[in-house]
Amino acid sequence: MLWYRPVPYQSEIPSKILMHYVDLSHTIEHGMVTYKGLPAPVICDFLSREASKKQYSEITTFQIGKIEMVANTGTYVDAPFHRHADGKDLSELSLESLVNLEGLVFRTRERANGPELFRNSDVRGKAVLVNAGWAQYWRTDKYFEGHPFLTEAAAVWLREHGAALVGIDSLNIDSTATGERPVHTVLLGADIPICEHLCHLEQLPDSGFRFHAAPVKVKGFGSFPVTR
């Protein structure tokens, strides 16, 4: 996931601009736990460099990696199919709903965040990113306890005001205190993708950037890590 903001560049070509990129996704590593109760990814060699010598030559080697993981690993996008059986899966999401979106960052240190976080803002057609400061606890026990989230009322407000995508740097965009997931239900029911476990949002300005979050196009999948 990358963002860029055009900045004047001092050179002999006035039209040239400097693009600044920020990676908003966590690195996927062997044994990394994204969500307690879900298995960690297993990353290993399918074909090691040593073994490949038998197929090529002593001086020509290759490595082919193998990864086994659940779809909700690292920083990922949820498609409507993740929550709704008749919703769009990853292969059916349009690129326009995932890349080159005008972005907005909303900063909070509250646990439960309602529509007041977004009021007086024009979110129509934009990627709405919530910087709750929770990414600092990534891969610690605290990350799983008392995490920030959006309320159902916030989700309804974002849907009614035309947000294109909603993301958060937290364990879940919903409260996990119960088995209900109203934010997923509302947003994904309106074909608004959700991006969870973001990071480095503190490096972004409040506005004036473009957001990209394109997962692998897998048929029959509702979630998948995003490319950087």
C-alpha atoms as a PDB file:
ATOM      1  CA  MET A   1       0.000   0.000   0.000  1.00  0.00           C
ATOM      2  CA  LEU A   2       1.506   3.224  -1.092  1.00  0.00           C
ATOM      3  CA  TRP A   3       0.635   6.841  -1.138  1.00  0.00           C
ATOM      4  CA  TYR A   4       2.112   9.715  -3.031  1.00  0.00           C
ATOM      5  CA  ARG A   5       1.848  13.476  -2.919  1.00  0.00           C
ATOM      6  CA  PRO A   6       3.173  15.675  -5.727  1.00  0.00           C
ATOM      7  CA  VAL A   7       5.886  18.027  -4.439  1.00  0.00           C
ATOM      8  CA  PRO A   8       7.617  20.689  -6.569  1.00  0.00           C
ATOM      9  CA  TYR A   9      11.070  19.533  -7.565  1.00  0.00           C
ATOM     10  CA  GLN A  10      13.804  22.071  -8.185  1.00  0.00           C
ATOM     11  CA  SER A  11      15.320  21.229 -11.543  1.00  0.00           C
ATOM     12  CA  GLU A  12      15.594  22.478 -15.070  1.00  0.00           C
ATOM     13  CA  ILE A  13      12.276  20.745 -15.851  1.00  0.00           C
ATOM     14  CA  PRO A  14       9.551  22.668 -13.980  1.00  0.00           C
ATOM     15  CA  SER A  15       6.979  19.962 -14.616  1.00  0.00           C
ATOM     16  CA  LYS A  16       8.981  17.264 -12.839  1.00  0.00           C
ATOM     17  CA  ILE A  17       7.624  16.214  -9.433  1.00  0.00           C
ATOM     18  CA  LEU A  18       9.050  14.180  -6.600  1.00  0.00           C
ATOM     19  CA  MET A  19       6.893  11.266  -5.487  1.00  0.00           C
ATOM     20  CA  HIS A  20       7.105  10.212  -1.849  1.00  0.00           C
ATOM     21  CA  TYR A  21       6.005   6.672  -0.954  1.00  0.00           C
ATOM     22  CA  VAL A  22       5.050   5.163   2.396  1.00  0.00           C
ATOM     23  CA  ASP A  23       4.469   1.435   2.897  1.00  0.00           C
ATOM     24  CA  LEU A  24       1.412   1.029   5.141  1.00  0.00           C
ATOM     25  CA  SER A  25       1.546  -2.779   5.373  1.00  0.00           C
ATOM     26  CA  HIS A  26       3.158  -5.086   7.933  1.00  0.00           C
ATOM     27  CA  THR A  27       5.776  -7.575   6.758  1.00  0.00           C
ATOM     28  CA  ILE A  28       4.510 -11.172   6.687  1.00  0.00           C
ATOM     29  CA  GLU A  29       6.954 -13.448   8.499  1.00  0.00           C
ATOM     30  CA  HIS A  30       7.100 -17.136   9.375  1.00  0.00           C
ATOM     31  CA  GLY A  31       5.283 -17.783  12.674  1.00  0.00           C
ATOM     32  CA  MET A  32       3.739 -14.299  12.857  1.00  0.00           C
ATOM     33  CA  VAL A  33       0.352 -14.131  14.616  1.00  0.00           C
ATOM     34  CA  THR A  34      -2.079 -11.599  13.174  1.00  0.00           C
ATOM     35  CA  TYR A  35      -5.159 -12.624  15.120  1.00  0.00           C
ATOM     36  CA  LYS A  36      -5.244 -14.974  18.117  1.00  0.00           C
ATOM     37  CA  GLY A  37      -6.991 -18.204  17.182  1.00  0.00           C
ATOM     38  CA  LEU A  38      -5.857 -18.079  13.557  1.00  0.00           C
ATOM     39  CA  PRO A  39      -2.747 -20.053  12.537  1.00  0.00           C
ATOM     40  CA  ALA A  40       0.481 -18.233  11.805  1.00  0.00           C
ATOM     41  CA  PRO A  41       1.914 -18.431   8.290  1.00  0.00           C
ATOM     42  CA  VAL A  42       4.373 -21.203   7.457  1.00  0.00           C
ATOM     43  CA  ILE A  43       7.044 -19.951   5.065  1.00  0.00           C
ATOM     44  CA  CYS A  44       9.607 -22.398   3.727  1.00  0.00           C
ATOM     45  CA  ASP A  45      11.362 -23.671   0.615  1.00  0.00           C
ATOM     46  CA  PHE A  46       9.469 -25.734  -1.914  1.00  0.00           C
ATOM     47  CA  LEU A  47      12.728 -25.998  -3.831  1.00  0.00           C
ATOM     48  CA  SER A  48      15.906 -24.977  -2.029  1.00  0.00           C
ATOM     49  CA  ARG A  49      18.969 -23.650  -3.817  1.00  0.00           C
ATOM     50  CA  GLU A  50      20.937 -26.732  -2.807  1.00  0.00           C
ATOM     51  CA  ALA A  51      18.251 -29.081  -4.134  1.00  0.00           C
ATOM     52  CA  SER A  52      17.943 -27.083  -7.349  1.00  0.00           C
ATOM     53  CA  LYS A  53      21.505 -27.995  -8.316  1.00  0.00           C
ATOM     54  CA  LYS A  54      20.211 -31.439  -9.243  1.00  0.00           C
ATOM     55  CA  GLN A  55      17.883 -29.878 -11.815  1.00  0.00           C
ATOM     56  CA  TYR A  56      20.205 -27.184 -13.187  1.00  0.00           C
ATOM     57  CA  SER A  57      23.930 -27.130 -12.448  1.00  0.00           C
ATOM     58  CA  GLU A  58      26.358 -26.420  -9.650  1.00  0.00           C
ATOM     59  CA  ILE A  59      26.573 -22.771 -10.680  1.00  0.00           C
ATOM     60  CA  THR A  60      22.907 -22.243 -11.650  1.00  0.00           C
ATOM     61  CA  THR A  61      20.562 -22.347  -8.666  1.00  0.00           C
ATOM     62  CA  PHE A  62      17.047 -21.148  -7.938  1.00  0.00           C
ATOM     63  CA  GLN A  63      14.788 -20.915  -4.911  1.00  0.00           C
ATOM     64  CA  ILE A  64      11.034 -21.490  -5.067  1.00  0.00           C
ATOM     65  CA  GLY A  65       9.269 -20.529  -1.873  1.00  0.00           C
ATOM     66  CA  LYS A  66       6.166 -22.020  -0.331  1.00  0.00           C
ATOM     67  CA  ILE A  67       3.751 -20.276   2.024  1.00  0.00           C
ATOM     68  CA  GLU A  68       0.758 -21.660   3.886  1.00  0.00           C
ATOM     69  CA  MET A  69      -1.451 -19.106   5.575  1.00  0.00           C
ATOM     70  CA  VAL A  70      -5.005 -18.072   6.254  1.00  0.00           C
ATOM     71  CA  ALA A  71      -6.368 -15.208   4.181  1.00  0.00           C
ATOM     72  CA  ASN A  72      -6.497 -12.806   7.143  1.00  0.00           C
ATOM     73  CA  THR A  73      -2.755 -12.443   7.642  1.00  0.00           C
ATOM     74  CA  GLY A  74      -0.776  -9.242   8.068  1.00  0.00           C
ATOM     75  CA  THR A  75      -2.306  -6.117   6.542  1.00  0.00           C
ATOM     76  CA  TYR A  76      -5.237  -7.250   4.420  1.00  0.00           C
ATOM     77  CA  VAL A  77      -8.324  -6.125   2.549  1.00  0.00           C
ATOM     78  CA  ASP A  78     -11.773  -7.549   3.237  1.00  0.00           C
ATOM     79  CA  ALA A  79     -14.104  -7.899   0.261  1.00  0.00           C
ATOM     80  CA  PRO A  80     -17.894  -8.128   0.728  1.00  0.00           C
ATOM     81  CA  PHE A  81     -17.715 -11.945   0.401  1.00  0.00           C
ATOM     82  CA  HIS A  82     -15.802 -12.057   3.689  1.00  0.00           C
ATOM     83  CA  ARG A  83     -19.043 -11.166   5.512  1.00  0.00           C
ATOM     84  CA  HIS A  84     -21.826 -11.778   2.985  1.00  0.00           C
ATOM     85  CA  ALA A  85     -22.206 -15.072   1.103  1.00  0.00           C
ATOM     86  CA  ASP A  86     -23.645 -13.273  -1.926  1.00  0.00           C
ATOM     87  CA  GLY A  87     -21.125 -10.417  -1.840  1.00  0.00           C
ATOM     88  CA  LYS A  88     -18.294  -9.706  -4.254  1.00  0.00           C
ATOM     89  CA  ASP A  89     -15.148 -11.760  -3.722  1.00  0.00           C
ATOM     90  CA  LEU A  90     -11.614 -10.465  -4.287  1.00  0.00           C
ATOM     91  CA  SER A  91     -11.725 -11.259  -7.995  1.00  0.00           C
ATOM     92  CA  GLU A  92     -14.872  -9.185  -8.418  1.00  0.00           C
ATOM     93  CA  LEU A  93     -13.697  -5.988  -6.744  1.00  0.00           C
ATOM     94  CA  SER A  94     -12.955  -3.253  -9.244  1.00  0.00           C
ATOM     95  CA  LEU A  95      -9.476  -1.743  -9.257  1.00  0.00           C
ATOM     96  CA  GLU A  96     -11.121   1.646  -8.948  1.00  0.00           C
ATOM     97  CA  SER A  97     -12.325   0.663  -5.474  1.00  0.00           C
ATOM     98  CA  LEU A  98      -8.806  -0.235  -4.322  1.00  0.00           C
ATOM     99  CA  VAL A  99      -6.154   1.909  -5.998  1.00  0.00           C
ATOM    100  CA  ASN A 100      -5.406   5.553  -6.708  1.00  0.00           C
ATOM    101  CA  LEU A 101      -8.007   6.684  -4.182  1.00  0.00           C
ATOM    102  CA  GLU A 102      -7.838  10.151  -2.716  1.00  0.00           C
ATOM    103  CA  GLY A 103      -7.085   9.560   0.950  1.00  0.00           C
ATOM    104  CA  LEU A 104      -7.988  11.132   4.285  1.00  0.00           C
ATOM    105  CA  VAL A 105      -6.500  10.324   7.692  1.00  0.00           C
ATOM    106  CA  PHE A 106      -8.532  10.775  10.875  1.00  0.00           C
ATOM    107  CA  ARG A 107      -6.550  10.626  14.110  1.00  0.00           C
ATOM    108  CA  THR A 108      -7.973   9.404  17.394  1.00  0.00           C
ATOM    109  CA  ARG A 109      -6.924   7.974  20.720  1.00  0.00           C
ATOM    110  CA  GLU A 110     -10.429   6.940  21.744  1.00  0.00           C
ATOM    111  CA  ARG A 111     -11.372   3.275  21.952  1.00  0.00           C
ATOM    112  CA  ALA A 112     -14.913   3.510  20.545  1.00  0.00           C
ATOM    113  CA  ASN A 113     -15.105   5.924  17.614  1.00  0.00           C
ATOM    114  CA  GLY A 114     -18.463   7.164  16.341  1.00  0.00           C
ATOM    115  CA  PRO A 115     -19.497   9.407  13.446  1.00  0.00           C
ATOM    116  CA  GLU A 116     -18.274  12.497  15.261  1.00  0.00           C
ATOM    117  CA  LEU A 117     -14.749  11.525  14.178  1.00  0.00           C
ATOM    118  CA  PHE A 118     -15.674  12.204  10.539  1.00  0.00           C
ATOM    119  CA  ARG A 119     -18.328  14.925  10.705  1.00  0.00           C
ATOM    120  CA  ASN A 120     -17.810  18.049   8.583  1.00  0.00           C
ATOM    121  CA  SER A 121     -15.525  16.043   6.268  1.00  0.00           C
ATOM    122  CA  ASP A 122     -16.174  15.196   2.627  1.00  0.00           C
ATOM    123  CA  VAL A 123     -15.423  11.465   2.431  1.00  0.00           C
ATOM    124  CA  ARG A 124     -17.288  10.716  -0.805  1.00  0.00           C
ATOM    125  CA  GLY A 125     -15.182   8.552  -3.114  1.00  0.00           C
ATOM    126  CA  LYS A 126     -12.231   8.635  -0.725  1.00  0.00           C
ATOM    127  CA  ALA A 127     -10.179   6.130   1.282  1.00  0.00           C
ATOM    128  CA  VAL A 128     -10.930   6.891   4.930  1.00  0.00           C
ATOM    129  CA  LEU A 129      -8.026   5.797   7.150  1.00  0.00           C
ATOM    130  CA  VAL A 130      -8.265   5.817  10.949  1.00  0.00           C
ATOM    131  CA  ASN A 131      -4.982   6.380  12.763  1.00  0.00           C
ATOM    132  CA  ALA A 132      -5.634   5.082  16.279  1.00  0.00           C
ATOM    133  CA  GLY A 133      -1.948   4.656  17.117  1.00  0.00           C
ATOM    134  CA  TRP A 134      -2.411   0.931  17.693  1.00  0.00           C
ATOM    135  CA  ALA A 135       0.211  -0.287  15.200  1.00  0.00           C
ATOM    136  CA  GLN A 136       2.886   0.486  17.784  1.00  0.00           C
ATOM    137  CA  TYR A 137       1.744  -2.641  19.658  1.00  0.00           C
ATOM    138  CA  TRP A 138       2.015  -4.966  16.630  1.00  0.00           C
ATOM    139  CA  ARG A 139       3.294  -8.436  17.616  1.00  0.00           C
ATOM    140  CA  THR A 140       2.852  -7.768  21.342  1.00  0.00           C
ATOM    141  CA  ASP A 141       0.174  -9.056  23.714  1.00  0.00           C
ATOM    142  CA  LYS A 142      -1.255  -5.546  24.091  1.00  0.00           C
ATOM    143  CA  TYR A 143      -2.233  -5.500  20.409  1.00  0.00           C
ATOM    144  CA  PHE A 144      -4.988  -8.023  21.167  1.00  0.00           C
ATOM    145  CA  GLU A 145      -6.412  -6.291  24.244  1.00  0.00           C
ATOM    146  CA  GLY A 146      -8.764  -3.307  24.315  1.00  0.00           C
ATOM    147  CA  HIS A 147      -8.118  -2.266  20.729  1.00  0.00           C
ATOM    148  CA  PRO A 148      -9.728   0.837  19.126  1.00  0.00           C
ATOM    149  CA  PHE A 149     -12.660   0.320  16.754  1.00  0.00           C
ATOM    150  CA  LEU A 150     -15.495   2.066  14.914  1.00  0.00           C
ATOM    151  CA  THR A 151     -19.103   1.947  16.056  1.00  0.00           C
ATOM    152  CA  GLU A 152     -22.024   0.836  13.931  1.00  0.00           C
ATOM    153  CA  ALA A 153     -23.188   4.465  13.780  1.00  0.00           C
ATOM    154  CA  ALA A 154     -19.816   5.460  12.325  1.00  0.00           C
ATOM    155  CA  ALA A 155     -20.127   2.757   9.673  1.00  0.00           C
ATOM    156  CA  VAL A 156     -23.622   3.930   8.740  1.00  0.00           C
ATOM    157  CA  TRP A 157     -22.382   7.524   8.482  1.00  0.00           C
ATOM    158  CA  LEU A 158     -19.493   6.493   6.212  1.00  0.00           C
ATOM    159  CA  ARG A 159     -21.822   4.452   4.025  1.00  0.00           C
ATOM    160  CA  GLU A 160     -24.347   7.265   3.725  1.00  0.00           C
ATOM    161  CA  HIS A 161     -21.634   9.791   2.895  1.00  0.00           C
ATOM    162  CA  GLY A 162     -20.097   7.657   0.149  1.00  0.00           C
ATOM    163  CA  ALA A 163     -16.712   6.523   1.509  1.00  0.00           C
ATOM    164  CA  ALA A 164     -14.922   4.339  -1.057  1.00  0.00           C
ATOM    165  CA  LEU A 165     -12.756   2.311   1.369  1.00  0.00           C
ATOM    166  CA  VAL A 166     -12.241   2.351   5.137  1.00  0.00           C
ATOM    167  CA  GLY A 167      -9.076   1.292   6.952  1.00  0.00           C
ATOM    168  CA  ILE A 168      -7.708   1.232  10.494  1.00  0.00           C
ATOM    169  CA  ASP A 169      -4.373   0.523  12.192  1.00  0.00           C
ATOM    170  CA  SER A 170      -5.944  -1.783  14.766  1.00  0.00           C
ATOM    171  CA  LEU A 171      -6.727  -5.433  15.442  1.00  0.00           C
ATOM    172  CA  ASN A 172     -10.248  -5.080  14.076  1.00  0.00           C
ATOM    173  CA  ILE A 173     -12.424  -2.303  12.702  1.00  0.00           C
ATOM    174  CA  ASP A 174     -15.223  -3.743  14.892  1.00  0.00           C
ATOM    175  CA  SER A 175     -15.317  -4.259  18.627  1.00  0.00           C
ATOM    176  CA  THR A 176     -14.429  -7.877  19.428  1.00  0.00           C
ATOM    177  CA  ALA A 177     -16.136  -7.799  22.831  1.00  0.00           C
ATOM    178  CA  THR A 178     -19.012  -9.794  21.320  1.00  0.00           C
ATOM    179  CA  GLY A 179     -19.471 -11.990  18.270  1.00  0.00           C
ATOM    180  CA  GLU A 180     -21.293  -9.238  16.404  1.00  0.00           C
ATOM    181  CA  ARG A 181     -19.501  -7.356  13.629  1.00  0.00           C
ATOM    182  CA  PRO A 182     -21.809  -4.456  12.655  1.00  0.00           C
ATOM    183  CA  VAL A 183     -19.127  -2.378  10.924  1.00  0.00           C
ATOM    184  CA  HIS A 184     -18.170  -5.268   8.649  1.00  0.00           C
ATOM    185  CA  THR A 185     -21.863  -5.921   8.024  1.00  0.00           C
ATOM    186  CA  VAL A 186     -22.669  -2.312   7.087  1.00  0.00           C
ATOM    187  CA  LEU A 187     -19.593  -1.422   5.039  1.00  0.00           C
ATOM    188  CA  LEU A 188     -19.143  -4.711   3.194  1.00  0.00           C
ATOM    189  CA  GLY A 189     -22.886  -4.834   2.598  1.00  0.00           C
ATOM    190  CA  ALA A 190     -22.460  -1.551   0.695  1.00  0.00           C
ATOM    191  CA  ASP A 191     -19.459  -2.848  -1.332  1.00  0.00           C
ATOM    192  CA  ILE A 192     -17.034  -0.716   0.670  1.00  0.00           C
ATOM    193  CA  PRO A 193     -13.766  -2.665   1.159  1.00  0.00           C
ATOM    194  CA  ILE A 194     -12.166  -2.691   4.608  1.00  0.00           C
ATOM    195  CA  CYS A 195      -8.426  -2.626   5.271  1.00  0.00           C
ATOM    196  CA  GLU A 196      -7.237  -3.759   8.717  1.00  0.00           C
ATOM    197  CA  HIS A 197      -3.867  -3.871  10.511  1.00  0.00           C
ATOM    198  CA  LEU A 198      -2.466  -0.796   8.776  1.00  0.00           C
ATOM    199  CA  CYS A 199       0.749   0.796  10.009  1.00  0.00           C
ATOM    200  CA  HIS A 200       2.805   3.994   9.566  1.00  0.00           C
ATOM    201  CA  LEU A 201      -0.291   6.178   9.263  1.00  0.00           C
ATOM    202  CA  GLU A 202       1.503   8.750  11.405  1.00  0.00           C
ATOM    203  CA  GLN A 203       3.752   9.385   8.391  1.00  0.00           C
ATOM    204  CA  LEU A 204       0.826  10.528   6.255  1.00  0.00           C
ATOM    205  CA  PRO A 205      -0.644  14.028   6.096  1.00  0.00           C
ATOM    206  CA  ASP A 206      -4.331  14.440   6.900  1.00  0.00           C
ATOM    207  CA  SER A 207      -5.120  14.781   3.186  1.00  0.00           C
ATOM    208  CA  GLY A 208      -3.513  15.388  -0.206  1.00  0.00           C
ATOM    209  CA  PHE A 209      -2.313  11.847  -0.928  1.00  0.00           C
ATOM    210  CA  ARG A 210      -3.340   8.788  -2.937  1.00  0.00           C
ATOM    211  CA  PHE A 211      -3.976   5.370  -1.399  1.00  0.00           C
ATOM    212  CA  HIS A 212      -3.438   1.957  -3.013  1.00  0.00           C
ATOM    213  CA  ALA A 213      -4.398  -1.426  -1.520  1.00  0.00           C
ATOM    214  CA  ALA A 214      -4.588  -4.151  -4.181  1.00  0.00           C
ATOM    215  CA  PRO A 215      -4.814  -7.772  -2.977  1.00  0.00           C
ATOM    216  CA  VAL A 216      -4.177 -10.796  -5.180  1.00  0.00           C
ATOM    217  CA  LYS A 217      -7.249 -11.460  -7.335  1.00  0.00           C
ATOM    218  CA  VAL A 218      -8.388 -14.818  -5.901  1.00  0.00           C
ATOM    219  CA  LYS A 219     -11.753 -16.310  -6.838  1.00  0.00           C
ATOM    220  CA  GLY A 220     -13.812 -17.427  -3.849  1.00  0.00           C
ATOM    221  CA  PHE A 221     -11.720 -15.470  -1.292  1.00  0.00           C
ATOM    222  CA  GLY A 222     -13.069 -12.683   0.879  1.00  0.00           C
ATOM    223  CA  SER A 223      -9.778 -11.434   2.340  1.00  0.00           C
ATOM    224  CA  PHE A 224      -6.108 -11.341   1.355  1.00  0.00           C
ATOM    225  CA  PRO A 225      -2.935  -9.443   2.296  1.00  0.00           C
ATOM    226  CA  VAL A 226      -2.331  -6.330   0.231  1.00  0.00           C
ATOM    227  CA  THR A 227       0.723  -5.732  -1.903  1.00  0.00           C
ATOM    228  CA  ARG A 228       2.986  -2.861  -1.081  1.00  0.00           C
END
